Amino acid sequence: MATILDGVELGREVRAEVAAGVAEMQARHGVTPGLAAVLVGGDPASAIYVRNKGRACDEAGMFSEIFHLSEETTQAELLELVARLNTDDRFHGILVQLPLPPQIEETVIIEALNPAKDVDGLHPFNLGKLLQGVPDFIPATPAGIQQILLRHGYDPSGKHVVVCGRSNIVGKPLATLLLQRREGSNATVTVTHTRTANLADITRQADILVAAIGQPRAITADMVKDGVVVIDVGVNRVDDPSRRRGYRLEGDVDFEPVSARAEAITPVPGGVGPMTIAMLLVNTLTAARISIHGR
């Protein structure tokens, strides 16, 4: 069976490093890093994510505040809040939880963020710096994936990484990150998507396979080679009357059969998710350092 790449324990390790950095910043500069989290609407999963991020900030000694707006919030109202947060010195980072309600264009909101506070790393300025190989902020999920690999001894350098999914949040920035000529990257990267022909022929070539498709058990054992390292980004709710909540969480990978072939694999839950939160704190600390020292 595959080695389980535990994101929970690794997330604790990274958050402890952040907490030490926060304490040092407070001692040397009297500055407490602050994160503003904006939640629009009542999506249960988004609410849980935002609450967990707030708790993680508190544990690391950061200041955080959640701004919860109604489902009917207009784009103009959200832009007004973003403009206020952009100039609020209490907050070094701003997180607008995605997805947003249909009346709001996500790209408009992202582009309205002060790039120096864009700790999700999704503003065009920050994505451009990532493409250049000189990022201030690496999007949290790709950054978390990279750290899972490196801290478990699976350096992507020289490896063939296949990324299944081309989203702006995971697939595209992860591929860009792992392509860079820098430590922890230097991979040969293939990106697949919904129009990819003969998907299994490509996934079987992967030394490292990242599944970010959004479909439960989409990657099956016949689609991977022996000894592959598998990173499962998917978090899918599957109806399950036997559970108290009425559902269970499954990844994009058919876990048990793929585990029998893989060298290592992330679980769902408990893999990428905790590291995403940890890397958001890393970015918030970085934003606070930039506010003090500049880029």
C-alpha atoms as a PDB file:
ATOM      1  CA  MET A   1       0.000   0.000   0.000  1.00  0.00           C
ATOM      2  CA  ALA A   2       1.014   3.582  -0.636  1.00  0.00           C
ATOM      3  CA  THR A   3       2.515   5.918   1.914  1.00  0.00           C
ATOM      4  CA  ILE A   4      -0.157   8.346   3.123  1.00  0.00           C
ATOM      5  CA  LEU A   5       0.915  11.980   2.678  1.00  0.00           C
ATOM      6  CA  ASP A   6      -0.641  13.467   5.806  1.00  0.00           C
ATOM      7  CA  GLY A   7      -1.579  17.105   5.231  1.00  0.00           C
ATOM      8  CA  VAL A   8      -2.969  17.518   8.745  1.00  0.00           C
ATOM      9  CA  GLU A   9       0.334  16.941  10.524  1.00  0.00           C
ATOM     10  CA  LEU A  10       2.296  18.852   7.896  1.00  0.00           C
ATOM     11  CA  GLY A  11      -0.169  21.730   8.161  1.00  0.00           C
ATOM     12  CA  ARG A  12       0.471  21.894  11.905  1.00  0.00           C
ATOM     13  CA  GLU A  13       4.202  22.055  11.223  1.00  0.00           C
ATOM     14  CA  VAL A  14       3.822  24.950   8.761  1.00  0.00           C
ATOM     15  CA  ARG A  15       1.398  26.818  11.034  1.00  0.00           C
ATOM     16  CA  ALA A  16       3.896  26.503  13.901  1.00  0.00           C
ATOM     17  CA  GLU A  17       6.557  28.060  11.650  1.00  0.00           C
ATOM     18  CA  VAL A  18       4.150  30.892  10.834  1.00  0.00           C
ATOM     19  CA  ALA A  19       3.360  31.413  14.528  1.00  0.00           C
ATOM     20  CA  ALA A  20       7.088  31.783  15.240  1.00  0.00           C
ATOM     21  CA  GLY A  21       7.349  34.338  12.436  1.00  0.00           C
ATOM     22  CA  VAL A  22       4.361  36.266  13.789  1.00  0.00           C
ATOM     23  CA  ALA A  23       5.857  36.354  17.294  1.00  0.00           C
ATOM     24  CA  GLU A  24       9.162  37.637  15.912  1.00  0.00           C
ATOM     25  CA  MET A  25       7.384  40.339  13.900  1.00  0.00           C
ATOM     26  CA  GLN A  26       5.442  41.479  16.943  1.00  0.00           C
ATOM     27  CA  ALA A  27       8.610  41.585  19.054  1.00  0.00           C
ATOM     28  CA  ARG A  28      10.744  43.430  16.494  1.00  0.00           C
ATOM     29  CA  HIS A  29       8.218  45.709  14.814  1.00  0.00           C
ATOM     30  CA  GLY A  30       5.091  45.725  16.965  1.00  0.00           C
ATOM     31  CA  VAL A  31       3.086  44.536  13.946  1.00  0.00           C
ATOM     32  CA  THR A  32       0.455  41.785  13.994  1.00  0.00           C
ATOM     33  CA  PRO A  33      -0.356  40.341  10.557  1.00  0.00           C
ATOM     34  CA  GLY A  34      -4.041  40.731   9.749  1.00  0.00           C
ATOM     35  CA  LEU A  35      -6.328  38.843   7.370  1.00  0.00           C
ATOM     36  CA  ALA A  36      -9.759  39.996   6.171  1.00  0.00           C
ATOM     37  CA  ALA A  37     -11.942  37.144   4.927  1.00  0.00           C
ATOM     38  CA  VAL A  38     -14.976  38.071   2.827  1.00  0.00           C
ATOM     39  CA  LEU A  39     -17.813  35.564   2.530  1.00  0.00           C
ATOM     40  CA  VAL A  40     -20.758  36.345   0.261  1.00  0.00           C
ATOM     41  CA  GLY A  41     -23.842  34.165   0.688  1.00  0.00           C
ATOM     42  CA  GLY A  42     -24.508  31.077   2.731  1.00  0.00           C
ATOM     43  CA  ASP A  43     -22.734  28.245   0.940  1.00  0.00           C
ATOM     44  CA  PRO A  44     -22.037  25.728   3.753  1.00  0.00           C
ATOM     45  CA  ALA A  45     -18.688  24.549   2.384  1.00  0.00           C
ATOM     46  CA  SER A  46     -17.440  28.112   1.924  1.00  0.00           C
ATOM     47  CA  ALA A  47     -18.573  29.017   5.443  1.00  0.00           C
ATOM     48  CA  ILE A  48     -16.624  26.077   6.867  1.00  0.00           C
ATOM     49  CA  TYR A  49     -13.510  27.013   4.895  1.00  0.00           C
ATOM     50  CA  VAL A  50     -13.647  30.623   6.067  1.00  0.00           C
ATOM     51  CA  ARG A  51     -14.250  29.616   9.680  1.00  0.00           C
ATOM     52  CA  ASN A  52     -11.309  27.201   9.597  1.00  0.00           C
ATOM     53  CA  LYS A  53      -9.076  29.902   8.140  1.00  0.00           C
ATOM     54  CA  GLY A  54     -10.116  32.257  10.938  1.00  0.00           C
ATOM     55  CA  ARG A  55      -9.291  29.667  13.570  1.00  0.00           C
ATOM     56  CA  ALA A  56      -5.910  29.012  11.993  1.00  0.00           C
ATOM     57  CA  CYS A  57      -5.154  32.744  12.088  1.00  0.00           C
ATOM     58  CA  ASP A  58      -6.069  32.910  15.773  1.00  0.00           C
ATOM     59  CA  GLU A  59      -3.834  29.928  16.590  1.00  0.00           C
ATOM     60  CA  ALA A  60      -0.907  31.546  14.762  1.00  0.00           C
ATOM     61  CA  GLY A  61      -1.344  34.815  16.676  1.00  0.00           C
ATOM     62  CA  MET A  62      -2.694  36.742  13.694  1.00  0.00           C
ATOM     63  CA  PHE A  63      -5.558  39.188  13.636  1.00  0.00           C
ATOM     64  CA  SER A  64      -8.500  38.152  11.485  1.00  0.00           C
ATOM     65  CA  GLU A  65     -12.025  39.293  10.788  1.00  0.00           C
ATOM     66  CA  ILE A  66     -14.792  37.728   8.694  1.00  0.00           C
ATOM     67  CA  PHE A  67     -17.018  40.018   6.635  1.00  0.00           C
ATOM     68  CA  HIS A  68     -20.178  38.037   5.881  1.00  0.00           C
ATOM     69  CA  LEU A  69     -22.415  39.552   3.210  1.00  0.00           C
ATOM     70  CA  SER A  70     -25.818  38.360   2.063  1.00  0.00           C
ATOM     71  CA  GLU A  71     -26.489  36.254  -1.028  1.00  0.00           C
ATOM     72  CA  GLU A  72     -28.164  39.312  -2.621  1.00  0.00           C
ATOM     73  CA  THR A  73     -25.088  41.524  -2.305  1.00  0.00           C
ATOM     74  CA  THR A  74     -24.465  43.475  -5.500  1.00  0.00           C
ATOM     75  CA  GLN A  75     -21.165  43.711  -7.301  1.00  0.00           C
ATOM     76  CA  ALA A  76     -20.992  47.419  -6.483  1.00  0.00           C
ATOM     77  CA  GLU A  77     -21.461  46.704  -2.763  1.00  0.00           C
ATOM     78  CA  LEU A  78     -18.717  44.099  -2.756  1.00  0.00           C
ATOM     79  CA  LEU A  79     -16.391  46.417  -4.655  1.00  0.00           C
ATOM     80  CA  GLU A  80     -17.042  49.098  -2.054  1.00  0.00           C
ATOM     81  CA  LEU A  81     -16.038  46.702   0.740  1.00  0.00           C
ATOM     82  CA  VAL A  82     -12.902  45.622  -1.137  1.00  0.00           C
ATOM     83  CA  ALA A  83     -11.927  49.274  -1.619  1.00  0.00           C
ATOM     84  CA  ARG A  84     -12.255  49.874   2.129  1.00  0.00           C
ATOM     85  CA  LEU A  85     -10.195  46.814   2.994  1.00  0.00           C
ATOM     86  CA  ASN A  86      -7.520  47.807   0.488  1.00  0.00           C
ATOM     87  CA  THR A  87      -6.784  50.906   2.580  1.00  0.00           C
ATOM     88  CA  ASP A  88      -7.392  49.415   6.052  1.00  0.00           C
ATOM     89  CA  ASP A  89      -3.992  49.114   7.738  1.00  0.00           C
ATOM     90  CA  ARG A  90      -5.243  46.428  10.113  1.00  0.00           C
ATOM     91  CA  PHE A  91      -5.316  43.950   7.237  1.00  0.00           C
ATOM     92  CA  HIS A  92      -2.228  42.857   5.334  1.00  0.00           C
ATOM     93  CA  GLY A  93      -4.161  40.202   3.459  1.00  0.00           C
ATOM     94  CA  ILE A  94      -7.616  40.033   1.880  1.00  0.00           C
ATOM     95  CA  LEU A  95      -9.318  36.765   1.016  1.00  0.00           C
ATOM     96  CA  VAL A  96     -12.541  36.820  -1.017  1.00  0.00           C
ATOM     97  CA  GLN A  97     -13.960  33.321  -0.732  1.00  0.00           C
ATOM     98  CA  LEU A  98     -14.883  31.784  -4.077  1.00  0.00           C
ATOM     99  CA  PRO A  99     -17.259  30.966  -5.681  1.00  0.00           C
ATOM    100  CA  LEU A 100     -19.304  34.165  -5.621  1.00  0.00           C
ATOM    101  CA  PRO A 101     -23.039  34.459  -6.389  1.00  0.00           C
ATOM    102  CA  PRO A 102     -23.896  34.668 -10.106  1.00  0.00           C
ATOM    103  CA  GLN A 103     -24.618  38.419 -10.100  1.00  0.00           C
ATOM    104  CA  ILE A 104     -20.951  39.102  -9.241  1.00  0.00           C
ATOM    105  CA  GLU A 105     -18.093  38.701 -11.728  1.00  0.00           C
ATOM    106  CA  GLU A 106     -15.197  37.033  -9.962  1.00  0.00           C
ATOM    107  CA  THR A 107     -12.567  38.534 -12.252  1.00  0.00           C
ATOM    108  CA  VAL A 108     -13.801  42.075 -11.530  1.00  0.00           C
ATOM    109  CA  ILE A 109     -13.512  41.508  -7.777  1.00  0.00           C
ATOM    110  CA  ILE A 110     -10.089  39.868  -8.016  1.00  0.00           C
ATOM    111  CA  GLU A 111      -8.754  42.706 -10.165  1.00  0.00           C
ATOM    112  CA  ALA A 112     -10.080  45.248  -7.631  1.00  0.00           C
ATOM    113  CA  LEU A 113      -7.875  43.820  -4.868  1.00  0.00           C
ATOM    114  CA  ASN A 114      -4.700  45.614  -3.871  1.00  0.00           C
ATOM    115  CA  PRO A 115      -2.088  43.179  -5.293  1.00  0.00           C
ATOM    116  CA  ALA A 116       0.005  43.656  -2.149  1.00  0.00           C
ATOM    117  CA  LYS A 117      -2.906  42.235  -0.104  1.00  0.00           C
ATOM    118  CA  ASP A 118      -3.938  39.520  -2.556  1.00  0.00           C
ATOM    119  CA  VAL A 119      -2.875  36.555  -0.411  1.00  0.00           C
ATOM    120  CA  ASP A 120      -4.736  34.144  -2.696  1.00  0.00           C
ATOM    121  CA  GLY A 121      -2.254  35.143  -5.416  1.00  0.00           C
ATOM    122  CA  LEU A 122      -4.971  35.385  -8.069  1.00  0.00           C
ATOM    123  CA  HIS A 123      -4.651  39.041  -9.120  1.00  0.00           C
ATOM    124  CA  PRO A 124      -3.217  39.360 -12.654  1.00  0.00           C
ATOM    125  CA  PHE A 125      -0.199  41.181 -11.208  1.00  0.00           C
ATOM    126  CA  ASN A 126       0.602  38.274  -8.894  1.00  0.00           C
ATOM    127  CA  LEU A 127      -0.085  35.618 -11.511  1.00  0.00           C
ATOM    128  CA  GLY A 128       2.232  37.523 -13.843  1.00  0.00           C
ATOM    129  CA  LYS A 129       4.998  37.491 -11.232  1.00  0.00           C
ATOM    130  CA  LEU A 130       4.444  33.763 -10.790  1.00  0.00           C
ATOM    131  CA  LEU A 131       4.816  33.288 -14.544  1.00  0.00           C
ATOM    132  CA  GLN A 132       8.071  35.261 -14.418  1.00  0.00           C
ATOM    133  CA  GLY A 133       9.311  33.049 -11.594  1.00  0.00           C
ATOM    134  CA  VAL A 134       9.489  35.845  -9.006  1.00  0.00           C
ATOM    135  CA  PRO A 135       6.214  35.508  -7.047  1.00  0.00           C
ATOM    136  CA  ASP A 136       5.376  37.410  -3.900  1.00  0.00           C
ATOM    137  CA  PHE A 137       2.409  35.108  -3.282  1.00  0.00           C
ATOM    138  CA  ILE A 138       1.951  31.606  -4.644  1.00  0.00           C
ATOM    139  CA  PRO A 139      -1.727  30.583  -4.737  1.00  0.00           C
ATOM    140  CA  ALA A 140      -2.331  28.604  -1.569  1.00  0.00           C
ATOM    141  CA  THR A 141      -3.385  25.240  -2.972  1.00  0.00           C
ATOM    142  CA  PRO A 142      -0.491  24.972  -5.472  1.00  0.00           C
ATOM    143  CA  ALA A 143       1.901  26.135  -2.750  1.00  0.00           C
ATOM    144  CA  GLY A 144       0.502  23.504  -0.398  1.00  0.00           C
ATOM    145  CA  ILE A 145       0.886  20.779  -3.028  1.00  0.00           C
ATOM    146  CA  GLN A 146       4.503  21.767  -3.623  1.00  0.00           C
ATOM    147  CA  GLN A 147       5.241  21.643   0.106  1.00  0.00           C
ATOM    148  CA  ILE A 148       3.565  18.242   0.498  1.00  0.00           C
ATOM    149  CA  LEU A 149       5.854  16.886  -2.202  1.00  0.00           C
ATOM    150  CA  LEU A 150       9.054  18.528  -0.969  1.00  0.00           C
ATOM    151  CA  ARG A 151       8.594  17.850   2.728  1.00  0.00           C
ATOM    152  CA  HIS A 152       7.867  14.181   2.066  1.00  0.00           C
ATOM    153  CA  GLY A 153      10.941  13.788  -0.126  1.00  0.00           C
ATOM    154  CA  TYR A 154       9.306  13.859  -3.565  1.00  0.00           C
ATOM    155  CA  ASP A 155      11.139  16.684  -5.303  1.00  0.00           C
ATOM    156  CA  PRO A 156       9.410  17.421  -8.651  1.00  0.00           C
ATOM    157  CA  SER A 157      12.730  18.283 -10.315  1.00  0.00           C
ATOM    158  CA  GLY A 158      13.209  16.165 -13.428  1.00  0.00           C
ATOM    159  CA  LYS A 159       9.904  14.381 -12.915  1.00  0.00           C
ATOM    160  CA  HIS A 160       6.929  14.227 -15.288  1.00  0.00           C
ATOM    161  CA  VAL A 161       4.032  15.879 -13.472  1.00  0.00           C
ATOM    162  CA  VAL A 162       0.580  15.447 -14.980  1.00  0.00           C
ATOM    163  CA  VAL A 163      -1.995  17.970 -13.721  1.00  0.00           C
ATOM    164  CA  CYS A 164      -5.600  16.955 -14.392  1.00  0.00           C
ATOM    165  CA  GLY A 165      -7.518  20.243 -14.414  1.00  0.00           C
ATOM    166  CA  ARG A 166      -6.893  23.743 -15.751  1.00  0.00           C
ATOM    167  CA  SER A 167      -8.643  25.992 -13.235  1.00  0.00           C
ATOM    168  CA  ASN A 168      -7.253  29.428 -12.393  1.00  0.00           C
ATOM    169  CA  ILE A 169      -7.081  28.421  -8.726  1.00  0.00           C
ATOM    170  CA  VAL A 170      -5.215  25.103  -8.984  1.00  0.00           C
ATOM    171  CA  GLY A 171      -4.342  23.688 -12.407  1.00  0.00           C
ATOM    172  CA  LYS A 172      -2.858  26.671 -14.229  1.00  0.00           C
ATOM    173  CA  PRO A 173      -0.876  28.181 -11.333  1.00  0.00           C
ATOM    174  CA  LEU A 174       0.385  24.757 -10.215  1.00  0.00           C
ATOM    175  CA  ALA A 175       1.650  23.949 -13.702  1.00  0.00           C
ATOM    176  CA  THR A 176       3.330  27.364 -13.859  1.00  0.00           C
ATOM    177  CA  LEU A 177       4.891  26.911 -10.415  1.00  0.00           C
ATOM    178  CA  LEU A 178       6.346  23.475 -11.108  1.00  0.00           C
ATOM    179  CA  LEU A 179       7.758  24.578 -14.481  1.00  0.00           C
ATOM    180  CA  GLN A 180       9.916  27.294 -12.955  1.00  0.00           C
ATOM    181  CA  ARG A 181      13.694  27.151 -12.951  1.00  0.00           C
ATOM    182  CA  ARG A 182      13.893  27.270  -9.192  1.00  0.00           C
ATOM    183  CA  GLU A 183      14.338  24.968  -6.221  1.00  0.00           C
ATOM    184  CA  GLY A 184      11.296  22.770  -5.663  1.00  0.00           C
ATOM    185  CA  SER A 185      10.192  22.991  -9.303  1.00  0.00           C
ATOM    186  CA  ASN A 186      12.042  22.112 -12.557  1.00  0.00           C
ATOM    187  CA  ALA A 187       9.440  19.524 -13.541  1.00  0.00           C
ATOM    188  CA  THR A 188       8.195  18.567 -16.987  1.00  0.00           C
ATOM    189  CA  VAL A 189       4.493  19.391 -16.765  1.00  0.00           C
ATOM    190  CA  THR A 190       1.524  18.173 -18.791  1.00  0.00           C
ATOM    191  CA  VAL A 191      -1.909  19.715 -18.186  1.00  0.00           C
ATOM    192  CA  THR A 192      -5.030  17.761 -19.111  1.00  0.00           C
ATOM    193  CA  HIS A 193      -8.638  18.947 -19.201  1.00  0.00           C
ATOM    194  CA  THR A 194     -12.154  18.097 -20.369  1.00  0.00           C
ATOM    195  CA  ARG A 195     -11.159  18.177 -24.041  1.00  0.00           C
ATOM    196  CA  THR A 196      -8.099  15.984 -23.620  1.00  0.00           C
ATOM    197  CA  ALA A 197      -8.201  12.890 -25.815  1.00  0.00           C
ATOM    198  CA  ASN A 198      -6.947   9.535 -24.512  1.00  0.00           C
ATOM    199  CA  LEU A 199      -6.605  10.837 -20.953  1.00  0.00           C
ATOM    200  CA  ALA A 200      -5.487   7.519 -19.475  1.00  0.00           C
ATOM    201  CA  ASP A 201      -2.596   7.293 -21.946  1.00  0.00           C
ATOM    202  CA  ILE A 202      -1.286  10.565 -20.532  1.00  0.00           C
ATOM    203  CA  THR A 203      -1.952   9.939 -16.835  1.00  0.00           C
ATOM    204  CA  ARG A 204      -0.100   6.604 -17.024  1.00  0.00           C
ATOM    205  CA  GLN A 205       3.051   8.538 -17.939  1.00  0.00           C
ATOM    206  CA  ALA A 206       2.994  10.567 -14.723  1.00  0.00           C
ATOM    207  CA  ASP A 207       5.672  10.263 -12.056  1.00  0.00           C
ATOM    208  CA  ILE A 208       3.522  12.673 -10.048  1.00  0.00           C
ATOM    209  CA  LEU A 209      -0.204  12.885 -10.773  1.00  0.00           C
ATOM    210  CA  VAL A 210      -2.315  15.786  -9.495  1.00  0.00           C
ATOM    211  CA  ALA A 211      -6.081  15.281  -9.725  1.00  0.00           C
ATOM    212  CA  ALA A 212      -8.042  18.545  -9.647  1.00  0.00           C
ATOM    213  CA  ILE A 213     -11.047  17.587 -11.722  1.00  0.00           C
ATOM    214  CA  GLY A 214     -14.032  17.957  -9.384  1.00  0.00           C
ATOM    215  CA  GLN A 215     -15.478  14.507 -10.103  1.00  0.00           C
ATOM    216  CA  PRO A 216     -15.465  11.735  -7.484  1.00  0.00           C
ATOM    217  CA  ARG A 217     -13.234   8.746  -8.279  1.00  0.00           C
ATOM    218  CA  ALA A 218     -12.459  10.038 -11.767  1.00  0.00           C
ATOM    219  CA  ILE A 219      -8.896   8.670 -11.611  1.00  0.00           C
ATOM    220  CA  THR A 220      -8.968   4.882 -11.458  1.00  0.00           C
ATOM    221  CA  ALA A 221      -6.235   2.305 -10.939  1.00  0.00           C
ATOM    222  CA  ASP A 222      -5.907   1.521 -14.655  1.00  0.00           C
ATOM    223  CA  MET A 223      -5.041   5.204 -15.273  1.00  0.00           C
ATOM    224  CA  VAL A 224      -1.823   5.236 -13.196  1.00  0.00           C
ATOM    225  CA  LYS A 225       1.497   3.454 -13.349  1.00  0.00           C
ATOM    226  CA  ASP A 226       3.118   1.561 -10.492  1.00  0.00           C
ATOM    227  CA  GLY A 227       5.086   3.806  -8.144  1.00  0.00           C
ATOM    228  CA  VAL A 228       3.279   7.035  -8.990  1.00  0.00           C
ATOM    229  CA  VAL A 229       2.905   9.803  -6.391  1.00  0.00           C
ATOM    230  CA  VAL A 230      -0.723  10.975  -6.322  1.00  0.00           C
ATOM    231  CA  ILE A 231      -1.981  14.341  -5.072  1.00  0.00           C
ATOM    232  CA  ASP A 232      -5.785  14.389  -4.805  1.00  0.00           C
ATOM    233  CA  VAL A 233      -7.179  17.924  -4.735  1.00  0.00           C
ATOM    234  CA  GLY A 234     -10.830  16.932  -5.121  1.00  0.00           C
ATOM    235  CA  VAL A 235     -13.381  17.361  -2.342  1.00  0.00           C
ATOM    236  CA  ASN A 236     -16.694  15.957  -3.541  1.00  0.00           C
ATOM    237  CA  ARG A 237     -19.850  15.420  -1.512  1.00  0.00           C
ATOM    238  CA  VAL A 238     -21.361  12.007  -2.199  1.00  0.00           C
ATOM    239  CA  ASP A 239     -24.771  11.062  -0.791  1.00  0.00           C
ATOM    240  CA  ASP A 240     -24.454   8.502   1.988  1.00  0.00           C
ATOM    241  CA  PRO A 241     -27.556   7.818   4.122  1.00  0.00           C
ATOM    242  CA  SER A 242     -25.432   5.787   6.544  1.00  0.00           C
ATOM    243  CA  ARG A 243     -23.622   8.950   7.668  1.00  0.00           C
ATOM    244  CA  ARG A 244     -25.130  11.310  10.216  1.00  0.00           C
ATOM    245  CA  ARG A 245     -24.666  14.239   7.823  1.00  0.00           C
ATOM    246  CA  GLY A 246     -26.185  12.271   4.946  1.00  0.00           C
ATOM    247  CA  TYR A 247     -23.047  12.457   2.826  1.00  0.00           C
ATOM    248  CA  ARG A 248     -19.355  11.585   2.755  1.00  0.00           C
ATOM    249  CA  LEU A 249     -16.380  13.335   1.196  1.00  0.00           C
ATOM    250  CA  GLU A 250     -14.526  11.690  -1.667  1.00  0.00           C
ATOM    251  CA  GLY A 251     -11.607  12.834  -3.741  1.00  0.00           C
ATOM    252  CA  ASP A 252     -11.104  12.779  -7.486  1.00  0.00           C
ATOM    253  CA  VAL A 253      -9.115   9.547  -7.096  1.00  0.00           C
ATOM    254  CA  ASP A 254     -10.505   6.048  -6.515  1.00  0.00           C
ATOM    255  CA  PHE A 255      -8.473   5.837  -3.344  1.00  0.00           C
ATOM    256  CA  GLU A 256      -8.148   2.160  -2.409  1.00  0.00           C
ATOM    257  CA  PRO A 257      -7.388   0.678  -5.863  1.00  0.00           C
ATOM    258  CA  VAL A 258      -5.033   3.540  -6.785  1.00  0.00           C
ATOM    259  CA  SER A 259      -3.276   3.242  -3.403  1.00  0.00           C
ATOM    260  CA  ALA A 260      -2.426  -0.355  -4.257  1.00  0.00           C
ATOM    261  CA  ARG A 261      -0.335   0.874  -7.209  1.00  0.00           C
ATOM    262  CA  ALA A 262       0.966   4.228  -5.946  1.00  0.00           C
ATOM    263  CA  GLU A 263       4.088   4.859  -3.919  1.00  0.00           C
ATOM    264  CA  ALA A 264       2.415   7.715  -2.052  1.00  0.00           C
ATOM    265  CA  ILE A 265      -0.987   9.403  -2.016  1.00  0.00           C
ATOM    266  CA  THR A 266      -2.851  12.191  -0.224  1.00  0.00           C
ATOM    267  CA  PRO A 267      -6.088  11.285   1.570  1.00  0.00           C
ATOM    268  CA  VAL A 268      -9.411  13.125   1.288  1.00  0.00           C
ATOM    269  CA  PRO A 269     -10.075  14.709   3.679  1.00  0.00           C
ATOM    270  CA  GLY A 270      -6.805  15.408   5.458  1.00  0.00           C
ATOM    271  CA  GLY A 271      -4.454  15.904   2.530  1.00  0.00           C
ATOM    272  CA  VAL A 272      -4.320  19.067   0.449  1.00  0.00           C
ATOM    273  CA  GLY A 273      -7.005  20.992   2.367  1.00  0.00           C
ATOM    274  CA  PRO A 274      -5.075  21.605   5.612  1.00  0.00           C
ATOM    275  CA  MET A 275      -2.014  22.656   3.629  1.00  0.00           C
ATOM    276  CA  THR A 276      -4.057  25.168   1.634  1.00  0.00           C
ATOM    277  CA  ILE A 277      -5.024  26.895   4.881  1.00  0.00           C
ATOM    278  CA  ALA A 278      -1.439  26.759   6.163  1.00  0.00           C
ATOM    279  CA  MET A 279      -0.059  28.352   2.996  1.00  0.00           C
ATOM    280  CA  LEU A 280      -2.662  31.119   3.175  1.00  0.00           C
ATOM    281  CA  LEU A 281      -1.155  32.009   6.554  1.00  0.00           C
ATOM    282  CA  VAL A 282       2.326  31.928   4.998  1.00  0.00           C
ATOM    283  CA  ASN A 283       1.150  34.411   2.360  1.00  0.00           C
ATOM    284  CA  THR A 284      -0.434  36.662   4.978  1.00  0.00           C
ATOM    285  CA  LEU A 285       2.813  36.741   6.940  1.00  0.00           C
ATOM    286  CA  THR A 286       4.667  37.506   3.704  1.00  0.00           C
ATOM    287  CA  ALA A 287       2.261  40.376   2.983  1.00  0.00           C
ATOM    288  CA  ALA A 288       2.935  41.826   6.430  1.00  0.00           C
ATOM    289  CA  ARG A 289       6.690  41.568   5.850  1.00  0.00           C
ATOM    290  CA  ILE A 290       6.324  43.348   2.503  1.00  0.00           C
ATOM    291  CA  SER A 291       4.369  46.138   4.216  1.00  0.00           C
ATOM    292  CA  ILE A 292       7.315  46.630   6.577  1.00  0.00           C
ATOM    293  CA  HIS A 293      10.339  46.023   4.386  1.00  0.00           C
ATOM    294  CA  GLY A 294       8.999  46.416   0.832  1.00  0.00           C
ATOM    295  CA  ARG A 295       9.492  43.923  -1.948  1.00  0.00           C
END
